[in-house]
Amino acid sequence: MKLTKRITGLRTNAFAALVGLLIAFVLGTTLYGQVPKDAQGRGLFGAFGEVIISGPVLLILHAIVGTLIIVSAATAVIRAILIRNPGFVALMSVAFLAVLLAWFAGSAFANTLAPSAARAMEWSTAVAVLLYAIFLFVCTPQSAKAGEQ
């Protein structure tokens, strides 16, 4: 596969993750105080499951979008590895870790309602957004064509 196509695929994944993060952020900012009481004390995965089963619609969407972002972020890491560019691999790997942290912090918040978990979710989301934006700014289609020559 040509390098340009691989980079285009990676840019698509990064953009999808960025848009997903922004959607999840907007959904999340409307949800204060709407975590189901049954989610508390159930552990990370139990709280996530309870949110999906009995949460309000916006919270369910927030959790589902957050989970889908993990898939996009993981795919971006794999694509970066296949391109064999250490900078891309580093950016996508740290962004993926930030996305995972946001997901786990969100589940921890549903489990405990701890403000620190909410802050961790917000900050890790911000880090992931920044890293995907940096990647999209640095890796332009023109830079991909220059790399092939």
N, C-alpha and C. Protein backbone atom coordinates (compact mmCIF):
# COMPACT_ATOMS: atom_id res chain seq x y z
N MET A 1 0.85 -1.17 0.00
CA MET A 1 0.00 0.00 0.00
C MET A 1 0.90 1.24 0.00
N LYS A 2 0.55 2.23 -0.77
CA LYS A 2 1.35 3.44 -0.83
C LYS A 2 1.30 4.19 0.49
N LEU A 3 2.39 4.88 0.76
CA LEU A 3 2.49 5.66 1.99
C LEU A 3 1.38 6.70 2.08
N THR A 4 1.05 7.34 0.97
CA THR A 4 0.01 8.36 0.98
C THR A 4 -1.32 7.78 1.45
N LYS A 5 -1.67 6.59 0.99
CA LYS A 5 -2.93 5.96 1.39
C LYS A 5 -2.90 5.60 2.87
N ARG A 6 -1.76 5.12 3.36
CA ARG A 6 -1.66 4.78 4.78
C ARG A 6 -1.80 6.03 5.65
N ILE A 7 -1.15 7.09 5.23
CA ILE A 7 -1.23 8.34 6.01
C ILE A 7 -2.65 8.90 5.94
N THR A 8 -3.29 8.81 4.79
CA THR A 8 -4.68 9.26 4.68
C THR A 8 -5.57 8.46 5.62
N GLY A 9 -5.36 7.16 5.71
CA GLY A 9 -6.13 6.34 6.64
C GLY A 9 -5.88 6.73 8.09
N LEU A 10 -4.63 7.01 8.42
CA LEU A 10 -4.30 7.43 9.78
C LEU A 10 -4.93 8.79 10.10
N ARG A 11 -4.87 9.70 9.13
CA ARG A 11 -5.50 11.01 9.33
C ARG A 11 -7.01 10.86 9.53
N THR A 12 -7.62 9.95 8.79
CA THR A 12 -9.05 9.70 8.94
C THR A 12 -9.37 9.20 10.34
N ASN A 13 -8.56 8.24 10.84
CA ASN A 13 -8.76 7.74 12.20
C ASN A 13 -8.57 8.84 13.25
N ALA A 14 -7.53 9.64 13.06
CA ALA A 14 -7.27 10.72 14.01
C ALA A 14 -8.42 11.73 14.01
N PHE A 15 -8.92 12.04 12.82
CA PHE A 15 -10.04 12.98 12.73
C PHE A 15 -11.30 12.40 13.37
N ALA A 16 -11.55 11.11 13.13
CA ALA A 16 -12.72 10.46 13.74
C ALA A 16 -12.61 10.47 15.26
N ALA A 17 -11.43 10.20 15.78
CA ALA A 17 -11.24 10.23 17.23
C ALA A 17 -11.43 11.64 17.77
N LEU A 18 -10.91 12.62 17.07
CA LEU A 18 -11.05 14.02 17.49
C LEU A 18 -12.52 14.44 17.52
N VAL A 19 -13.26 14.12 16.47
CA VAL A 19 -14.69 14.46 16.43
C VAL A 19 -15.43 13.71 17.53
N GLY A 20 -15.12 12.44 17.71
CA GLY A 20 -15.75 11.66 18.77
C GLY A 20 -15.49 12.25 20.15
N LEU A 21 -14.25 12.67 20.39
CA LEU A 21 -13.91 13.29 21.67
C LEU A 21 -14.70 14.57 21.90
N LEU A 22 -14.85 15.35 20.85
CA LEU A 22 -15.61 16.59 20.99
C LEU A 22 -17.10 16.30 21.24
N ILE A 23 -17.64 15.31 20.56
CA ILE A 23 -19.04 14.92 20.79
C ILE A 23 -19.21 14.42 22.23
N ALA A 24 -18.31 13.54 22.67
CA ALA A 24 -18.40 13.01 24.03
C ALA A 24 -18.26 14.14 25.06
N PHE A 25 -17.39 15.10 24.78
CA PHE A 25 -17.21 16.23 25.69
C PHE A 25 -18.50 17.04 25.80
N VAL A 26 -19.10 17.35 24.67
CA VAL A 26 -20.34 18.14 24.68
C VAL A 26 -21.44 17.37 25.41
N LEU A 27 -21.57 16.09 25.12
CA LEU A 27 -22.57 15.28 25.81
C LEU A 27 -22.29 15.26 27.32
N GLY A 28 -21.02 15.10 27.67
CA GLY A 28 -20.63 14.99 29.07
C GLY A 28 -20.89 16.26 29.87
N THR A 29 -20.76 17.41 29.23
CA THR A 29 -20.96 18.66 29.97
C THR A 29 -22.43 18.92 30.30
N THR A 30 -23.32 18.15 29.72
CA THR A 30 -24.75 18.33 30.01
C THR A 30 -25.26 17.33 31.05
N LEU A 31 -24.37 16.53 31.62
CA LEU A 31 -24.81 15.38 32.41
C LEU A 31 -24.61 15.49 33.91
N TYR A 32 -24.23 16.62 34.42
CA TYR A 32 -23.95 16.69 35.86
C TYR A 32 -25.14 16.21 36.68
N GLY A 33 -24.86 15.26 37.58
CA GLY A 33 -25.88 14.76 38.49
C GLY A 33 -26.82 13.73 37.89
N GLN A 34 -26.51 13.18 36.72
CA GLN A 34 -27.43 12.25 36.09
C GLN A 34 -26.94 10.81 36.08
N VAL A 35 -25.93 10.49 36.87
CA VAL A 35 -25.45 9.11 36.94
C VAL A 35 -26.45 8.30 37.76
N PRO A 36 -26.89 7.15 37.26
CA PRO A 36 -27.86 6.34 38.02
C PRO A 36 -27.28 5.91 39.37
N LYS A 37 -28.08 5.96 40.40
CA LYS A 37 -27.62 5.57 41.74
C LYS A 37 -27.18 4.11 41.77
N ASP A 38 -27.77 3.27 40.93
CA ASP A 38 -27.41 1.86 40.90
C ASP A 38 -26.00 1.63 40.37
N ALA A 39 -25.41 2.61 39.69
CA ALA A 39 -24.06 2.45 39.16
C ALA A 39 -23.00 2.60 40.25
N GLN A 40 -23.34 3.29 41.31
CA GLN A 40 -22.36 3.57 42.35
C GLN A 40 -22.03 2.31 43.15
N GLY A 41 -20.72 2.12 43.34
CA GLY A 41 -20.24 0.98 44.11
C GLY A 41 -20.19 -0.33 43.35
N ARG A 42 -20.33 -0.31 42.05
CA ARG A 42 -20.36 -1.55 41.27
C ARG A 42 -19.03 -1.87 40.60
N GLY A 43 -18.01 -1.06 40.80
CA GLY A 43 -16.74 -1.26 40.11
C GLY A 43 -16.77 -0.57 38.75
N LEU A 44 -15.61 -0.50 38.10
CA LEU A 44 -15.52 0.24 36.84
C LEU A 44 -16.43 -0.33 35.76
N PHE A 45 -16.33 -1.62 35.52
CA PHE A 45 -17.11 -2.21 34.43
C PHE A 45 -18.58 -2.37 34.81
N GLY A 46 -18.83 -2.63 36.08
CA GLY A 46 -20.21 -2.71 36.53
C GLY A 46 -20.92 -1.36 36.43
N ALA A 47 -20.22 -0.31 36.79
CA ALA A 47 -20.79 1.04 36.68
C ALA A 47 -21.05 1.39 35.23
N PHE A 48 -20.10 1.04 34.35
CA PHE A 48 -20.29 1.30 32.92
C PHE A 48 -21.53 0.55 32.42
N GLY A 49 -21.66 -0.72 32.78
CA GLY A 49 -22.82 -1.51 32.36
C GLY A 49 -24.12 -0.94 32.87
N GLU A 50 -24.13 -0.49 34.10
CA GLU A 50 -25.35 0.09 34.68
C GLU A 50 -25.73 1.38 33.98
N VAL A 51 -24.72 2.18 33.61
CA VAL A 51 -24.98 3.41 32.86
C VAL A 51 -25.63 3.07 31.52
N ILE A 52 -25.11 2.08 30.84
CA ILE A 52 -25.64 1.67 29.53
C ILE A 52 -27.07 1.14 29.67
N ILE A 53 -27.33 0.41 30.75
CA ILE A 53 -28.65 -0.21 30.93
C ILE A 53 -29.70 0.78 31.43
N SER A 54 -29.33 1.61 32.41
CA SER A 54 -30.38 2.41 33.05
C SER A 54 -30.10 3.91 33.12
N GLY A 55 -29.09 4.38 32.42
CA GLY A 55 -28.79 5.80 32.45
C GLY A 55 -29.72 6.60 31.56
N PRO A 56 -29.71 7.92 31.73
CA PRO A 56 -30.47 8.77 30.81
C PRO A 56 -29.84 8.68 29.41
N VAL A 57 -30.62 9.01 28.40
CA VAL A 57 -30.20 8.83 27.01
C VAL A 57 -28.87 9.52 26.71
N LEU A 58 -28.69 10.75 27.16
CA LEU A 58 -27.45 11.46 26.86
C LEU A 58 -26.24 10.80 27.51
N LEU A 59 -26.43 10.25 28.70
CA LEU A 59 -25.33 9.55 29.37
C LEU A 59 -25.01 8.25 28.64
N ILE A 60 -26.04 7.55 28.18
CA ILE A 60 -25.82 6.32 27.40
C ILE A 60 -25.04 6.65 26.14
N LEU A 61 -25.45 7.70 25.44
CA LEU A 61 -24.73 8.12 24.23
C LEU A 61 -23.29 8.50 24.55
N HIS A 62 -23.09 9.22 25.64
CA HIS A 62 -21.75 9.63 26.06
C HIS A 62 -20.87 8.39 26.27
N ALA A 63 -21.39 7.39 26.95
CA ALA A 63 -20.63 6.17 27.23
C ALA A 63 -20.35 5.37 25.95
N ILE A 64 -21.33 5.30 25.06
CA ILE A 64 -21.13 4.55 23.81
C ILE A 64 -20.12 5.26 22.91
N VAL A 65 -20.25 6.57 22.78
CA VAL A 65 -19.29 7.33 21.96
C VAL A 65 -17.89 7.18 22.54
N GLY A 66 -17.77 7.27 23.86
CA GLY A 66 -16.47 7.09 24.50
C GLY A 66 -15.85 5.74 24.21
N THR A 67 -16.67 4.71 24.19
CA THR A 67 -16.18 3.37 23.88
C THR A 67 -15.77 3.26 22.41
N LEU A 68 -16.53 3.85 21.53
CA LEU A 68 -16.17 3.83 20.10
C LEU A 68 -14.88 4.60 19.82
N ILE A 69 -14.63 5.63 20.60
CA ILE A 69 -13.38 6.39 20.44
C ILE A 69 -12.18 5.48 20.72
N ILE A 70 -12.31 4.58 21.67
CA ILE A 70 -11.22 3.64 21.97
C ILE A 70 -10.87 2.83 20.72
N VAL A 71 -11.89 2.39 19.99
CA VAL A 71 -11.65 1.61 18.77
C VAL A 71 -10.91 2.45 17.74
N SER A 72 -11.35 3.67 17.53
CA SER A 72 -10.69 4.55 16.57
C SER A 72 -9.26 4.86 16.99
N ALA A 73 -9.06 5.11 18.28
CA ALA A 73 -7.72 5.42 18.78
C ALA A 73 -6.78 4.23 18.66
N ALA A 74 -7.28 3.03 18.93
CA ALA A 74 -6.45 1.83 18.79
C ALA A 74 -6.09 1.59 17.33
N THR A 75 -7.04 1.79 16.45
CA THR A 75 -6.79 1.64 15.01
C THR A 75 -5.74 2.65 14.55
N ALA A 76 -5.78 3.86 15.09
CA ALA A 76 -4.80 4.88 14.73
C ALA A 76 -3.39 4.45 15.15
N VAL A 77 -3.27 3.83 16.32
CA VAL A 77 -1.96 3.34 16.76
C VAL A 77 -1.45 2.27 15.80
N ILE A 78 -2.30 1.35 15.42
CA ILE A 78 -1.90 0.27 14.50
C ILE A 78 -1.48 0.86 13.16
N ARG A 79 -2.25 1.81 12.66
CA ARG A 79 -1.89 2.46 11.37
C ARG A 79 -0.56 3.19 11.48
N ALA A 80 -0.33 3.86 12.60
CA ALA A 80 0.94 4.58 12.79
C ALA A 80 2.12 3.60 12.82
N ILE A 81 1.93 2.45 13.46
CA ILE A 81 2.98 1.43 13.49
C ILE A 81 3.28 0.93 12.08
N LEU A 82 2.24 0.71 11.28
CA LEU A 82 2.44 0.23 9.91
C LEU A 82 3.15 1.26 9.03
N ILE A 83 2.98 2.55 9.34
CA ILE A 83 3.67 3.60 8.59
C ILE A 83 5.15 3.65 8.96
N ARG A 84 5.45 3.20 10.18
CA ARG A 84 6.84 3.14 10.67
C ARG A 84 7.46 4.53 10.87
N ASN A 85 6.65 5.46 11.31
CA ASN A 85 7.14 6.79 11.63
C ASN A 85 7.11 6.92 13.15
N PRO A 86 8.29 6.98 13.81
CA PRO A 86 8.31 7.00 15.27
C PRO A 86 7.52 8.17 15.88
N GLY A 87 7.54 9.32 15.23
CA GLY A 87 6.77 10.46 15.74
C GLY A 87 5.28 10.19 15.72
N PHE A 88 4.80 9.61 14.63
CA PHE A 88 3.38 9.27 14.52
C PHE A 88 3.00 8.22 15.57
N VAL A 89 3.87 7.22 15.72
CA VAL A 89 3.60 6.16 16.71
C VAL A 89 3.52 6.77 18.11
N ALA A 90 4.45 7.66 18.43
CA ALA A 90 4.45 8.28 19.75
C ALA A 90 3.18 9.11 19.98
N LEU A 91 2.83 9.95 19.01
CA LEU A 91 1.63 10.79 19.15
C LEU A 91 0.37 9.94 19.31
N MET A 92 0.22 8.95 18.44
CA MET A 92 -0.99 8.13 18.48
C MET A 92 -1.04 7.26 19.73
N SER A 93 0.12 6.80 20.20
CA SER A 93 0.15 5.97 21.41
C SER A 93 -0.23 6.77 22.65
N VAL A 94 0.33 7.97 22.77
CA VAL A 94 0.00 8.81 23.94
C VAL A 94 -1.47 9.25 23.87
N ALA A 95 -1.95 9.57 22.66
CA ALA A 95 -3.36 9.93 22.51
C ALA A 95 -4.26 8.75 22.90
N PHE A 96 -3.88 7.55 22.49
CA PHE A 96 -4.64 6.35 22.84
C PHE A 96 -4.68 6.17 24.36
N LEU A 97 -3.52 6.35 25.01
CA LEU A 97 -3.49 6.23 26.47
C LEU A 97 -4.38 7.28 27.14
N ALA A 98 -4.39 8.49 26.58
CA ALA A 98 -5.26 9.54 27.12
C ALA A 98 -6.73 9.17 26.96
N VAL A 99 -7.08 8.58 25.81
CA VAL A 99 -8.46 8.13 25.58
C VAL A 99 -8.83 7.03 26.58
N LEU A 100 -7.92 6.08 26.78
CA LEU A 100 -8.19 5.02 27.76
C LEU A 100 -8.37 5.59 29.16
N LEU A 101 -7.51 6.53 29.53
CA LEU A 101 -7.64 7.16 30.84
C LEU A 101 -8.98 7.87 30.97
N ALA A 102 -9.41 8.55 29.92
CA ALA A 102 -10.71 9.23 29.97
C ALA A 102 -11.84 8.22 30.18
N TRP A 103 -11.78 7.10 29.48
CA TRP A 103 -12.82 6.08 29.62
C TRP A 103 -12.84 5.52 31.05
N PHE A 104 -11.66 5.16 31.55
CA PHE A 104 -11.59 4.60 32.90
C PHE A 104 -11.98 5.64 33.96
N ALA A 105 -11.59 6.88 33.75
CA ALA A 105 -11.98 7.94 34.69
C ALA A 105 -13.49 8.16 34.67
N GLY A 106 -14.09 8.07 33.49
CA GLY A 106 -15.54 8.20 33.38
C GLY A 106 -16.26 7.08 34.11
N SER A 107 -15.75 5.87 33.95
CA SER A 107 -16.35 4.74 34.68
C SER A 107 -16.13 4.88 36.18
N ALA A 108 -14.95 5.38 36.57
CA ALA A 108 -14.69 5.60 37.99
C ALA A 108 -15.63 6.66 38.55
N PHE A 109 -15.90 7.69 37.75
CA PHE A 109 -16.84 8.71 38.21
C PHE A 109 -18.23 8.13 38.40
N ALA A 110 -18.68 7.31 37.46
CA ALA A 110 -20.00 6.68 37.60
C ALA A 110 -20.04 5.78 38.83
N ASN A 111 -18.89 5.17 39.15
CA ASN A 111 -18.81 4.26 40.28
C ASN A 111 -18.77 4.99 41.62
N THR A 112 -18.07 6.14 41.66
CA THR A 112 -17.83 6.80 42.95
C THR A 112 -18.36 8.22 43.05
N LEU A 113 -18.64 8.86 41.93
CA LEU A 113 -19.01 10.28 41.86
C LEU A 113 -17.91 11.19 42.43
N ALA A 114 -16.68 10.71 42.40
CA ALA A 114 -15.55 11.50 42.91
C ALA A 114 -15.22 12.62 41.93
N PRO A 115 -15.16 13.85 42.41
CA PRO A 115 -14.80 14.97 41.52
C PRO A 115 -13.44 14.78 40.85
N SER A 116 -12.52 14.11 41.52
CA SER A 116 -11.20 13.88 40.92
C SER A 116 -11.30 13.00 39.68
N ALA A 117 -12.23 12.07 39.67
CA ALA A 117 -12.43 11.23 38.49
C ALA A 117 -12.98 12.06 37.33
N ALA A 118 -13.90 12.97 37.64
CA ALA A 118 -14.43 13.85 36.60
C ALA A 118 -13.33 14.74 36.03
N ARG A 119 -12.45 15.26 36.91
CA ARG A 119 -11.34 16.11 36.43
C ARG A 119 -10.38 15.29 35.57
N ALA A 120 -10.12 14.06 35.97
CA ALA A 120 -9.22 13.19 35.18
C ALA A 120 -9.82 12.93 33.81
N MET A 121 -11.13 12.72 33.75
CA MET A 121 -11.80 12.51 32.46
C MET A 121 -11.67 13.75 31.59
N GLU A 122 -11.90 14.91 32.17
CA GLU A 122 -11.82 16.16 31.41
C GLU A 122 -10.41 16.42 30.89
N TRP A 123 -9.42 16.29 31.77
CA TRP A 123 -8.04 16.60 31.38
C TRP A 123 -7.49 15.60 30.38
N SER A 124 -7.79 14.34 30.57
CA SER A 124 -7.29 13.35 29.61
C SER A 124 -7.96 13.53 28.25
N THR A 125 -9.22 13.93 28.25
CA THR A 125 -9.90 14.25 26.99
C THR A 125 -9.20 15.42 26.31
N ALA A 126 -8.88 16.44 27.08
CA ALA A 126 -8.21 17.62 26.53
C ALA A 126 -6.84 17.25 25.94
N VAL A 127 -6.11 16.40 26.62
CA VAL A 127 -4.80 15.95 26.11
C VAL A 127 -4.97 15.21 24.79
N ALA A 128 -5.94 14.30 24.74
CA ALA A 128 -6.17 13.54 23.50
C ALA A 128 -6.58 14.47 22.36
N VAL A 129 -7.47 15.42 22.63
CA VAL A 129 -7.89 16.38 21.60
C VAL A 129 -6.67 17.14 21.08
N LEU A 130 -5.84 17.61 22.00
CA LEU A 130 -4.64 18.36 21.60
C LEU A 130 -3.71 17.52 20.73
N LEU A 131 -3.48 16.28 21.12
CA LEU A 131 -2.56 15.42 20.36
C LEU A 131 -3.10 15.10 18.96
N TYR A 132 -4.38 14.82 18.86
CA TYR A 132 -4.95 14.55 17.53
C TYR A 132 -4.92 15.82 16.68
N ALA A 133 -5.17 16.97 17.28
CA ALA A 133 -5.12 18.23 16.53
C ALA A 133 -3.69 18.52 16.06
N ILE A 134 -2.71 18.28 16.92
CA ILE A 134 -1.30 18.47 16.52
C ILE A 134 -0.96 17.56 15.36
N PHE A 135 -1.36 16.30 15.46
CA PHE A 135 -1.08 15.37 14.38
C PHE A 135 -1.70 15.83 13.07
N LEU A 136 -2.95 16.22 13.11
CA LEU A 136 -3.62 16.67 11.89
C LEU A 136 -3.00 17.93 11.32
N PHE A 137 -2.45 18.78 12.18
CA PHE A 137 -1.77 20.00 11.71
C PHE A 137 -0.42 19.66 11.09
N VAL A 138 0.33 18.77 11.73
CA VAL A 138 1.68 18.43 11.27
C VAL A 138 1.66 17.52 10.06
N CYS A 139 0.79 16.55 10.06
CA CYS A 139 0.75 15.55 8.98
C CYS A 139 -0.28 15.96 7.94
N THR A 140 0.17 16.72 7.00
CA THR A 140 -0.70 17.16 5.91
C THR A 140 -0.54 16.23 4.71
N PRO A 141 -1.48 16.22 3.80
CA PRO A 141 -1.31 15.40 2.58
C PRO A 141 -0.02 15.77 1.82
N GLN A 142 0.38 17.02 1.87
CA GLN A 142 1.60 17.44 1.20
C GLN A 142 2.83 16.80 1.85
N SER A 143 2.83 16.68 3.19
CA SER A 143 3.98 16.06 3.86
C SER A 143 4.03 14.58 3.55
N ALA A 144 2.88 13.96 3.33
CA ALA A 144 2.86 12.54 2.96
C ALA A 144 3.49 12.33 1.59
N LYS A 145 3.16 13.21 0.65
CA LYS A 145 3.73 13.08 -0.69
C LYS A 145 5.23 13.33 -0.67
N ALA A 146 5.68 14.26 0.17
CA ALA A 146 7.11 14.53 0.28
C ALA A 146 7.84 13.34 0.86
N GLY A 147 7.19 12.61 1.76
CA GLY A 147 7.80 11.42 2.35
C GLY A 147 7.97 10.28 1.39
N GLU A 148 7.18 10.22 0.34
CA GLU A 148 7.27 9.15 -0.66
C GLU A 148 8.43 9.34 -1.62
N GLN A 149 8.87 10.58 -1.78
CA GLN A 149 9.92 10.85 -2.77
C GLN A 149 11.28 10.48 -2.29
